[in-house]
Amino acid sequence: MIDCPETNPTDSPRDPGRVREMFGKISGPYDCINRLFSCWVDLWWRHCLVSDVRRAHPELVLDLATGSGDVALLLERKGMKTIGLDFCLPMLEQSRRKGFGRLAAGDALKMPFQENTFDAVTIAFGFRNFADYPAGLREIRRVLKPGGRLLILEFTDPAAWFRPVYYFYLSRIMPVLAGWISRNGAAYNYLASSVQKFPTASSLGIQMESEGYRDVGWRKLAPGIVAIHRGEKSPCLEDKEF
């Protein structure tokens, strides 16, 4: 396992040091809370992500912000060689306890991998915690092989009729109950806020295109609060201008 690099604190609510500390504190009950507050639907969302990756037939996959390793384990079980990267050591320990050992600790904005290494990169519910979205997209693009695919599973804007109920649950109910279970209410207040402030699906798509990805698109999964975003690193020589 690679040593975790230090990160410079900032005033951003997505300050890497604060985010890393927060996830370290909730690493133990993290999976249990995910299942409980999604009514186990988060497992299906991750299976959908892995199914989309599998269609590209990648030989080597990077599961970025791998956390407790749910996606990395699914990828491995589907026959795809996978490396999991995260900057939170307690979360990586949860992944190791599940039996997934091909892990590295590092910052997603400065990864310890050479250019053109991976056939695919996956991120499940971690991209919104990046301190700098464009920088993250550029770094992912650097480690992807030409023609390699990026797939991001992330929360998104729900249908208009569902927003009042959803955001009330997200900001008023979930943080209180999750905070009681985890003994860390501040962490789940942050998580709720990060979901509400995350770019819409179309806005993220525009960002991906501006950072040199082609064939950008997304599909929303029931009940419409998450989406799988996809993009491909251009295999063309002109791609280097980005």
C-alpha atoms as a PDB file:
ATOM      1  CA  MET A   1       0.000   0.000   0.000  1.00  0.00           C
ATOM      2  CA  ILE A   2       1.304   3.440  -0.969  1.00  0.00           C
ATOM      3  CA  ASP A   3       1.711   5.986   1.795  1.00  0.00           C
ATOM      4  CA  CYS A   4      -1.000   8.611   1.861  1.00  0.00           C
ATOM      5  CA  PRO A   5       0.333  12.030   0.836  1.00  0.00           C
ATOM      6  CA  GLU A   6      -0.301  15.135   2.871  1.00  0.00           C
ATOM      7  CA  THR A   7      -2.875  17.585   1.570  1.00  0.00           C
ATOM      8  CA  ASN A   8      -2.907  21.338   2.010  1.00  0.00           C
ATOM      9  CA  PRO A   9      -5.894  22.662   3.965  1.00  0.00           C
ATOM     10  CA  THR A  10      -8.131  25.265   2.323  1.00  0.00           C
ATOM     11  CA  ASP A  11     -11.241  27.188   3.257  1.00  0.00           C
ATOM     12  CA  SER A  12     -13.358  25.095   0.897  1.00  0.00           C
ATOM     13  CA  PRO A  13     -16.115  22.946   2.439  1.00  0.00           C
ATOM     14  CA  ARG A  14     -14.520  20.167   0.351  1.00  0.00           C
ATOM     15  CA  ASP A  15     -11.126  20.725   1.948  1.00  0.00           C
ATOM     16  CA  PRO A  16      -9.265  17.405   1.502  1.00  0.00           C
ATOM     17  CA  GLY A  17      -8.039  17.259   5.089  1.00  0.00           C
ATOM     18  CA  ARG A  18     -11.507  17.766   6.517  1.00  0.00           C
ATOM     19  CA  VAL A  19     -13.118  15.300   4.113  1.00  0.00           C
ATOM     20  CA  ARG A  20     -10.511  12.652   4.877  1.00  0.00           C
ATOM     21  CA  GLU A  21     -10.961  13.107   8.631  1.00  0.00           C
ATOM     22  CA  MET A  22     -14.747  12.984   8.317  1.00  0.00           C
ATOM     23  CA  PHE A  23     -14.780   9.719   6.376  1.00  0.00           C
ATOM     24  CA  GLY A  24     -12.262   8.245   8.775  1.00  0.00           C
ATOM     25  CA  LYS A  25     -14.646   8.873  11.658  1.00  0.00           C
ATOM     26  CA  ILE A  26     -17.638   7.240   9.946  1.00  0.00           C
ATOM     27  CA  SER A  27     -15.783   4.394   8.214  1.00  0.00           C
ATOM     28  CA  GLY A  28     -17.116   1.741  10.608  1.00  0.00           C
ATOM     29  CA  PRO A  29     -20.888   2.262  10.176  1.00  0.00           C
ATOM     30  CA  TYR A  30     -20.553   3.682   6.631  1.00  0.00           C
ATOM     31  CA  ASP A  31     -21.850   0.624   4.757  1.00  0.00           C
ATOM     32  CA  CYS A  32     -24.647  -0.016   7.221  1.00  0.00           C
ATOM     33  CA  ILE A  33     -25.897   3.570   6.981  1.00  0.00           C
ATOM     34  CA  ASN A  34     -25.726   3.498   3.180  1.00  0.00           C
ATOM     35  CA  ARG A  35     -27.895   0.407   3.077  1.00  0.00           C
ATOM     36  CA  LEU A  36     -30.354   1.640   5.666  1.00  0.00           C
ATOM     37  CA  PHE A  37     -30.977   5.105   4.224  1.00  0.00           C
ATOM     38  CA  SER A  38     -31.141   3.963   0.609  1.00  0.00           C
ATOM     39  CA  CYS A  39     -33.354   0.971   1.498  1.00  0.00           C
ATOM     40  CA  TRP A  40     -30.605  -1.198  -0.031  1.00  0.00           C
ATOM     41  CA  VAL A  41     -31.084   0.456  -3.454  1.00  0.00           C
ATOM     42  CA  ASP A  42     -27.446   1.637  -3.387  1.00  0.00           C
ATOM     43  CA  LEU A  43     -26.400  -1.972  -4.035  1.00  0.00           C
ATOM     44  CA  TRP A  44     -28.403  -2.012  -7.253  1.00  0.00           C
ATOM     45  CA  TRP A  45     -26.935   1.360  -8.295  1.00  0.00           C
ATOM     46  CA  ARG A  46     -23.431  -0.048  -7.914  1.00  0.00           C
ATOM     47  CA  HIS A  47     -24.351  -3.158  -9.889  1.00  0.00           C
ATOM     48  CA  CYS A  48     -25.604  -0.904 -12.703  1.00  0.00           C
ATOM     49  CA  LEU A  49     -22.280   0.937 -12.697  1.00  0.00           C
ATOM     50  CA  VAL A  50     -20.308  -2.290 -12.889  1.00  0.00           C
ATOM     51  CA  SER A  51     -22.520  -3.580 -15.704  1.00  0.00           C
ATOM     52  CA  ASP A  52     -21.780  -0.427 -17.709  1.00  0.00           C
ATOM     53  CA  VAL A  53     -18.043  -0.865 -17.138  1.00  0.00           C
ATOM     54  CA  ARG A  54     -18.175  -4.498 -18.159  1.00  0.00           C
ATOM     55  CA  ARG A  55     -19.590  -3.607 -21.588  1.00  0.00           C
ATOM     56  CA  ALA A  56     -16.290  -1.874 -22.420  1.00  0.00           C
ATOM     57  CA  HIS A  57     -14.298  -5.080 -21.685  1.00  0.00           C
ATOM     58  CA  PRO A  58     -11.495  -3.338 -19.767  1.00  0.00           C
ATOM     59  CA  GLU A  59      -8.420  -5.273 -18.686  1.00  0.00           C
ATOM     60  CA  LEU A  60      -7.383  -2.915 -15.886  1.00  0.00           C
ATOM     61  CA  VAL A  61      -9.774  -0.690 -13.916  1.00  0.00           C
ATOM     62  CA  LEU A  62      -9.091   2.003 -11.338  1.00  0.00           C
ATOM     63  CA  ASP A  63     -11.849   2.383  -8.751  1.00  0.00           C
ATOM     64  CA  LEU A  64     -11.239   5.920  -7.544  1.00  0.00           C
ATOM     65  CA  ALA A  65     -12.426   7.046  -4.105  1.00  0.00           C
ATOM     66  CA  THR A  66     -12.938   3.341  -3.540  1.00  0.00           C
ATOM     67  CA  GLY A  67     -13.946   3.767   0.104  1.00  0.00           C
ATOM     68  CA  SER A  68     -15.053   0.492   1.646  1.00  0.00           C
ATOM     69  CA  GLY A  69     -14.528  -1.316  -1.662  1.00  0.00           C
ATOM     70  CA  ASP A  70     -18.054  -2.248  -2.734  1.00  0.00           C
ATOM     71  CA  VAL A  71     -17.497  -1.388  -6.410  1.00  0.00           C
ATOM     72  CA  ALA A  72     -13.936  -2.714  -6.526  1.00  0.00           C
ATOM     73  CA  LEU A  73     -15.093  -6.082  -5.232  1.00  0.00           C
ATOM     74  CA  LEU A  74     -17.908  -6.255  -7.781  1.00  0.00           C
ATOM     75  CA  LEU A  75     -15.507  -5.414 -10.597  1.00  0.00           C
ATOM     76  CA  GLU A  76     -13.119  -8.143  -9.486  1.00  0.00           C
ATOM     77  CA  ARG A  77     -15.909 -10.699  -9.243  1.00  0.00           C
ATOM     78  CA  LYS A  78     -16.886  -9.873 -12.823  1.00  0.00           C
ATOM     79  CA  GLY A  79     -13.366 -10.716 -13.956  1.00  0.00           C
ATOM     80  CA  MET A  80     -11.883  -7.223 -14.252  1.00  0.00           C
ATOM     81  CA  LYS A  81      -8.498  -6.622 -12.635  1.00  0.00           C
ATOM     82  CA  THR A  82      -9.055  -3.654 -10.350  1.00  0.00           C
ATOM     83  CA  ILE A  83      -7.023  -1.273  -8.204  1.00  0.00           C
ATOM     84  CA  GLY A  84      -8.793   0.739  -5.513  1.00  0.00           C
ATOM     85  CA  LEU A  85      -7.498   4.202  -4.600  1.00  0.00           C
ATOM     86  CA  ASP A  86      -8.595   6.376  -1.687  1.00  0.00           C
ATOM     87  CA  PHE A  87      -6.961   8.960   0.545  1.00  0.00           C
ATOM     88  CA  CYS A  88      -8.713   7.807   3.734  1.00  0.00           C
ATOM     89  CA  LEU A  89      -6.842   4.955   5.399  1.00  0.00           C
ATOM     90  CA  PRO A  90      -9.687   3.856   7.718  1.00  0.00           C
ATOM     91  CA  MET A  91     -11.966   3.454   4.682  1.00  0.00           C
ATOM     92  CA  LEU A  92      -9.294   1.408   2.912  1.00  0.00           C
ATOM     93  CA  GLU A  93      -9.082  -0.776   5.993  1.00  0.00           C
ATOM     94  CA  GLN A  94     -12.792  -1.532   5.638  1.00  0.00           C
ATOM     95  CA  SER A  95     -12.136  -2.611   2.051  1.00  0.00           C
ATOM     96  CA  ARG A  96      -9.249  -4.828   3.140  1.00  0.00           C
ATOM     97  CA  ARG A  97     -11.446  -6.507   5.759  1.00  0.00           C
ATOM     98  CA  LYS A  98     -13.874  -7.487   3.005  1.00  0.00           C
ATOM     99  CA  GLY A  99     -11.067  -9.330   1.260  1.00  0.00           C
ATOM    100  CA  PHE A 100     -10.033  -6.788  -1.360  1.00  0.00           C
ATOM    101  CA  GLY A 101      -6.289  -6.217  -1.170  1.00  0.00           C
ATOM    102  CA  ARG A 102      -5.201  -4.422  -4.344  1.00  0.00           C
ATOM    103  CA  LEU A 103      -5.346  -0.988  -2.707  1.00  0.00           C
ATOM    104  CA  ALA A 104      -3.406   2.260  -2.850  1.00  0.00           C
ATOM    105  CA  ALA A 105      -3.670   5.349  -0.676  1.00  0.00           C
ATOM    106  CA  GLY A 106      -3.403   8.649  -2.506  1.00  0.00           C
ATOM    107  CA  ASP A 107      -5.039  11.883  -3.577  1.00  0.00           C
ATOM    108  CA  ALA A 108      -7.326  11.718  -6.613  1.00  0.00           C
ATOM    109  CA  LEU A 109      -5.967  15.087  -7.754  1.00  0.00           C
ATOM    110  CA  LYS A 110      -2.394  13.783  -7.824  1.00  0.00           C
ATOM    111  CA  MET A 111      -2.453  10.038  -8.359  1.00  0.00           C
ATOM    112  CA  PRO A 112       0.591   7.773  -7.983  1.00  0.00           C
ATOM    113  CA  PHE A 113       0.152   6.248 -11.448  1.00  0.00           C
ATOM    114  CA  GLN A 114       1.787   6.811 -14.806  1.00  0.00           C
ATOM    115  CA  GLU A 115      -0.002   8.252 -17.814  1.00  0.00           C
ATOM    116  CA  ASN A 116      -2.109   5.941 -19.988  1.00  0.00           C
ATOM    117  CA  THR A 117      -2.348   3.168 -17.383  1.00  0.00           C
ATOM    118  CA  PHE A 118      -6.028   2.236 -17.053  1.00  0.00           C
ATOM    119  CA  ASP A 119      -8.675   1.025 -19.486  1.00  0.00           C
ATOM    120  CA  ALA A 120     -11.438   2.410 -17.270  1.00  0.00           C
ATOM    121  CA  VAL A 121     -11.875   4.553 -14.159  1.00  0.00           C
ATOM    122  CA  THR A 122     -14.909   4.283 -11.903  1.00  0.00           C
ATOM    123  CA  ILE A 123     -16.048   6.581  -9.099  1.00  0.00           C
ATOM    124  CA  ALA A 124     -19.078   5.815  -6.954  1.00  0.00           C
ATOM    125  CA  PHE A 125     -20.336   8.663  -4.766  1.00  0.00           C
ATOM    126  CA  GLY A 126     -16.890  10.182  -4.393  1.00  0.00           C
ATOM    127  CA  PHE A 127     -16.533  12.702  -7.176  1.00  0.00           C
ATOM    128  CA  ARG A 128     -18.637  15.349  -5.453  1.00  0.00           C
ATOM    129  CA  ASN A 129     -16.093  15.402  -2.604  1.00  0.00           C
ATOM    130  CA  PHE A 130     -13.225  16.444  -4.899  1.00  0.00           C
ATOM    131  CA  ALA A 131     -11.805  19.838  -3.958  1.00  0.00           C
ATOM    132  CA  ASP A 132     -11.498  20.760  -7.650  1.00  0.00           C
ATOM    133  CA  TYR A 133     -13.759  19.067 -10.207  1.00  0.00           C
ATOM    134  CA  PRO A 134     -11.917  20.196 -13.389  1.00  0.00           C
ATOM    135  CA  ALA A 135      -8.539  19.223 -11.904  1.00  0.00           C
ATOM    136  CA  GLY A 136      -9.955  15.825 -10.969  1.00  0.00           C
ATOM    137  CA  LEU A 137     -11.239  15.253 -14.488  1.00  0.00           C
ATOM    138  CA  ARG A 138      -7.856  16.200 -15.943  1.00  0.00           C
ATOM    139  CA  GLU A 139      -5.994  13.871 -13.600  1.00  0.00           C
ATOM    140  CA  ILE A 140      -8.325  10.989 -14.402  1.00  0.00           C
ATOM    141  CA  ARG A 141      -7.853  11.688 -18.078  1.00  0.00           C
ATOM    142  CA  ARG A 142      -4.094  11.573 -17.609  1.00  0.00           C
ATOM    143  CA  VAL A 143      -4.108   8.034 -16.193  1.00  0.00           C
ATOM    144  CA  LEU A 144      -6.660   6.696 -18.710  1.00  0.00           C
ATOM    145  CA  LYS A 145      -5.393   5.000 -21.845  1.00  0.00           C
ATOM    146  CA  PRO A 146      -6.478   6.544 -25.161  1.00  0.00           C
ATOM    147  CA  GLY A 147     -10.003   5.280 -25.697  1.00  0.00           C
ATOM    148  CA  GLY A 148     -10.352   4.516 -21.980  1.00  0.00           C
ATOM    149  CA  ARG A 149     -13.652   5.248 -20.261  1.00  0.00           C
ATOM    150  CA  LEU A 150     -14.606   7.212 -17.178  1.00  0.00           C
ATOM    151  CA  LEU A 151     -17.821   6.263 -15.381  1.00  0.00           C
ATOM    152  CA  ILE A 152     -19.074   8.322 -12.456  1.00  0.00           C
ATOM    153  CA  LEU A 153     -21.971   7.192 -10.262  1.00  0.00           C
ATOM    154  CA  GLU A 154     -23.139  10.228  -8.350  1.00  0.00           C
ATOM    155  CA  PHE A 155     -26.182  11.948  -6.899  1.00  0.00           C
ATOM    156  CA  THR A 156     -27.981  14.297  -9.258  1.00  0.00           C
ATOM    157  CA  ASP A 157     -30.970  16.596  -9.464  1.00  0.00           C
ATOM    158  CA  PRO A 158     -34.250  14.661  -9.079  1.00  0.00           C
ATOM    159  CA  ALA A 159     -37.477  15.352 -10.955  1.00  0.00           C
ATOM    160  CA  ALA A 160     -39.133  18.651  -9.976  1.00  0.00           C
ATOM    161  CA  TRP A 161     -42.141  17.000  -8.332  1.00  0.00           C
ATOM    162  CA  PHE A 162     -39.862  14.897  -6.105  1.00  0.00           C
ATOM    163  CA  ARG A 163     -37.413  17.620  -5.038  1.00  0.00           C
ATOM    164  CA  PRO A 164     -39.316  19.056  -2.018  1.00  0.00           C
ATOM    165  CA  VAL A 165     -39.758  15.638  -0.420  1.00  0.00           C
ATOM    166  CA  TYR A 166     -36.265  14.482  -1.307  1.00  0.00           C
ATOM    167  CA  TYR A 167     -34.454  17.570  -0.045  1.00  0.00           C
ATOM    168  CA  PHE A 168     -36.493  17.633   3.150  1.00  0.00           C
ATOM    169  CA  TYR A 169     -35.498  14.029   3.815  1.00  0.00           C
ATOM    170  CA  LEU A 170     -31.891  14.723   2.825  1.00  0.00           C
ATOM    171  CA  SER A 171     -31.418  17.826   4.954  1.00  0.00           C
ATOM    172  CA  ARG A 172     -33.740  17.260   7.932  1.00  0.00           C
ATOM    173  CA  ILE A 173     -34.278  13.542   8.513  1.00  0.00           C
ATOM    174  CA  MET A 174     -31.270  11.629   7.206  1.00  0.00           C
ATOM    175  CA  PRO A 175     -28.557  13.708   8.982  1.00  0.00           C
ATOM    176  CA  VAL A 176     -30.308  13.394  12.343  1.00  0.00           C
ATOM    177  CA  LEU A 177     -30.826   9.636  12.178  1.00  0.00           C
ATOM    178  CA  ALA A 178     -27.480   8.895  10.527  1.00  0.00           C
ATOM    179  CA  GLY A 179     -25.730  11.158  12.999  1.00  0.00           C
ATOM    180  CA  TRP A 180     -27.342   9.307  15.881  1.00  0.00           C
ATOM    181  CA  ILE A 181     -26.221   5.953  14.497  1.00  0.00           C
ATOM    182  CA  SER A 182     -22.689   7.067  13.628  1.00  0.00           C
ATOM    183  CA  ARG A 183     -22.278   9.506  16.533  1.00  0.00           C
ATOM    184  CA  ASN A 184     -21.154  12.071  13.957  1.00  0.00           C
ATOM    185  CA  GLY A 185     -23.980  14.353  12.908  1.00  0.00           C
ATOM    186  CA  ALA A 186     -21.641  16.905  11.327  1.00  0.00           C
ATOM    187  CA  ALA A 187     -20.465  14.359   8.769  1.00  0.00           C
ATOM    188  CA  TYR A 188     -23.964  13.683   7.511  1.00  0.00           C
ATOM    189  CA  ASN A 189     -24.870  17.364   7.482  1.00  0.00           C
ATOM    190  CA  TYR A 190     -21.885  17.804   5.175  1.00  0.00           C
ATOM    191  CA  LEU A 191     -22.929  14.866   3.003  1.00  0.00           C
ATOM    192  CA  ALA A 192     -26.450  16.254   2.624  1.00  0.00           C
ATOM    193  CA  SER A 193     -25.089  19.687   1.736  1.00  0.00           C
ATOM    194  CA  SER A 194     -22.617  18.250  -0.791  1.00  0.00           C
ATOM    195  CA  VAL A 195     -25.450  16.469  -2.619  1.00  0.00           C
ATOM    196  CA  GLN A 196     -27.542  19.624  -2.882  1.00  0.00           C
ATOM    197  CA  LYS A 197     -24.610  21.728  -4.115  1.00  0.00           C
ATOM    198  CA  PHE A 198     -23.355  19.212  -6.678  1.00  0.00           C
ATOM    199  CA  PRO A 199     -23.684  20.225 -10.359  1.00  0.00           C
ATOM    200  CA  THR A 200     -26.666  19.022 -12.333  1.00  0.00           C
ATOM    201  CA  ALA A 201     -26.188  16.144 -14.749  1.00  0.00           C
ATOM    202  CA  SER A 202     -25.994  18.474 -17.725  1.00  0.00           C
ATOM    203  CA  SER A 203     -23.525  20.795 -15.979  1.00  0.00           C
ATOM    204  CA  LEU A 204     -21.212  17.904 -15.139  1.00  0.00           C
ATOM    205  CA  GLY A 205     -21.485  16.723 -18.736  1.00  0.00           C
ATOM    206  CA  ILE A 206     -20.373  20.146 -19.959  1.00  0.00           C
ATOM    207  CA  GLN A 207     -17.406  20.060 -17.573  1.00  0.00           C
ATOM    208  CA  MET A 208     -16.376  16.643 -18.865  1.00  0.00           C
ATOM    209  CA  GLU A 209     -16.505  17.824 -22.463  1.00  0.00           C
ATOM    210  CA  SER A 210     -14.505  20.953 -21.630  1.00  0.00           C
ATOM    211  CA  GLU A 211     -11.780  18.745 -20.122  1.00  0.00           C
ATOM    212  CA  GLY A 212     -11.371  16.723 -23.308  1.00  0.00           C
ATOM    213  CA  TYR A 213     -13.768  13.806 -22.919  1.00  0.00           C
ATOM    214  CA  ARG A 214     -15.789  12.667 -25.906  1.00  0.00           C
ATOM    215  CA  ASP A 215     -19.021  10.659 -26.180  1.00  0.00           C
ATOM    216  CA  VAL A 216     -20.152  12.251 -22.912  1.00  0.00           C
ATOM    217  CA  GLY A 217     -23.557  11.251 -21.592  1.00  0.00           C
ATOM    218  CA  TRP A 218     -25.471  10.046 -18.567  1.00  0.00           C
ATOM    219  CA  ARG A 219     -28.460   8.009 -17.525  1.00  0.00           C
ATOM    220  CA  LYS A 220     -30.511   8.459 -14.400  1.00  0.00           C
ATOM    221  CA  LEU A 221     -31.407   5.492 -12.239  1.00  0.00           C
ATOM    222  CA  ALA A 222     -34.622   5.048 -10.282  1.00  0.00           C
ATOM    223  CA  PRO A 223     -35.864   6.887  -8.343  1.00  0.00           C
ATOM    224  CA  GLY A 224     -34.056   9.603 -10.304  1.00  0.00           C
ATOM    225  CA  ILE A 225     -31.680  10.855  -7.615  1.00  0.00           C
ATOM    226  CA  VAL A 226     -28.496   9.325  -9.036  1.00  0.00           C
ATOM    227  CA  ALA A 227     -26.943   9.161 -12.480  1.00  0.00           C
ATOM    228  CA  ILE A 228     -24.159   7.262 -14.190  1.00  0.00           C
ATOM    229  CA  HIS A 229     -22.046   9.693 -16.186  1.00  0.00           C
ATOM    230  CA  ARG A 230     -19.777   8.412 -18.928  1.00  0.00           C
ATOM    231  CA  GLY A 231     -17.015   9.832 -21.078  1.00  0.00           C
ATOM    232  CA  GLU A 232     -14.124   8.569 -23.163  1.00  0.00           C
ATOM    233  CA  LYS A 233     -10.552   9.758 -23.540  1.00  0.00           C
ATOM    234  CA  SER A 234     -10.012  10.524 -27.193  1.00  0.00           C
ATOM    235  CA  PRO A 235      -7.516   8.210 -28.891  1.00  0.00           C
ATOM    236  CA  CYS A 236      -6.542  10.972 -31.325  1.00  0.00           C
ATOM    237  CA  LEU A 237      -3.142  12.685 -31.247  1.00  0.00           C
ATOM    238  CA  GLU A 238      -4.903  16.052 -31.140  1.00  0.00           C
ATOM    239  CA  ASP A 239      -6.107  15.000 -27.692  1.00  0.00           C
ATOM    240  CA  LYS A 240      -2.811  16.240 -26.217  1.00  0.00           C
ATOM    241  CA  GLU A 241      -3.807  19.875 -26.659  1.00  0.00           C
ATOM    242  CA  PHE A 242      -6.130  19.685 -23.631  1.00  0.00           C
END
